[in-house]
């Protein structure tokens, strides 16, 4: 779930913040955008995993 939210959130934020300010003449490497989105998704998944483990240990 964290991976999907991180991936989607990054792509949406990238579209809103960066793509609106880049002129069409400048080419952007699509592979790098996808790679950054995947890495961001993995980061969010890891943070969610650590948070979930912390909360479960706290309850026990």
Protein backbone atom coordinates (compact mmCIF):
# COMPACT_ATOMS: atom_id res chain seq x y z
CA UNK A 1 0.00 0.00 0.00
CA UNK A 2 2.84 2.40 0.86
CA UNK A 3 4.55 1.63 -2.44
CA UNK A 4 1.46 2.48 -4.46
CA UNK A 5 0.83 5.68 -2.51
CA UNK A 6 4.48 6.76 -2.79
CA UNK A 7 4.63 6.04 -6.52
CA UNK A 8 1.34 7.77 -7.28
CA UNK A 9 2.06 10.72 -5.02
CA UNK A 10 5.46 11.30 -6.57
CA UNK A 11 4.14 11.17 -10.13
CA UNK A 12 1.30 13.56 -9.27
CA UNK A 13 3.63 15.94 -7.47
CA UNK A 14 6.14 15.74 -10.32
CA UNK A 15 3.42 16.61 -12.83
CA UNK A 16 2.10 19.53 -10.83
CA UNK A 17 5.40 21.04 -9.62
CA UNK A 18 8.01 20.27 -12.28
CA UNK A 19 6.36 19.60 -15.62
CA UNK A 20 4.34 22.81 -15.58
CA UNK A 21 7.57 24.86 -15.33
CA UNK A 22 9.67 23.01 -17.90
CA UNK A 23 9.45 24.38 -21.45
CA UNK A 24 8.43 21.85 -24.12
CA UNK A 25 11.75 22.35 -25.93
CA UNK A 26 13.65 20.76 -23.03
CA UNK A 27 13.62 17.00 -23.17
CA UNK A 28 13.24 15.07 -19.97
CA UNK A 29 14.48 11.50 -19.68
CA UNK A 30 11.33 9.46 -19.02
CA UNK A 31 13.36 6.57 -17.65
CA UNK A 32 14.79 8.75 -14.91
CA UNK A 33 11.32 9.96 -13.91
CA UNK A 34 10.03 6.40 -13.68
CA UNK A 35 13.14 5.29 -11.77
CA UNK A 36 12.73 8.16 -9.30
CA UNK A 37 9.04 7.28 -8.87
CA UNK A 38 9.87 3.63 -8.17
CA UNK A 39 12.57 4.57 -5.66
CA UNK A 40 10.16 6.94 -3.95
CA UNK A 41 7.56 4.17 -3.79
CA UNK A 42 10.08 1.80 -2.22
CA UNK A 43 11.03 4.47 0.31
CA UNK A 44 7.39 4.99 1.32
CA UNK A 45 6.87 1.22 1.55
CA UNK A 46 9.88 0.92 3.85
CA UNK A 47 8.71 3.79 6.04
CA UNK A 48 5.26 2.22 6.27
CA UNK A 49 6.78 -1.16 7.16
CA UNK A 50 8.95 0.32 9.91
CA UNK A 51 6.04 2.34 11.28
CA UNK A 52 3.77 -0.70 11.30
CA UNK A 53 6.36 -2.78 13.16
CA UNK A 54 6.91 0.02 15.68
CA UNK A 55 3.18 0.33 16.39
CA UNK A 56 2.77 -3.44 16.75
CA UNK A 57 5.68 -3.64 19.21
CA UNK A 58 4.29 -0.70 21.15
CA UNK A 59 0.92 -2.45 21.59
CA UNK A 60 2.48 -5.69 22.85
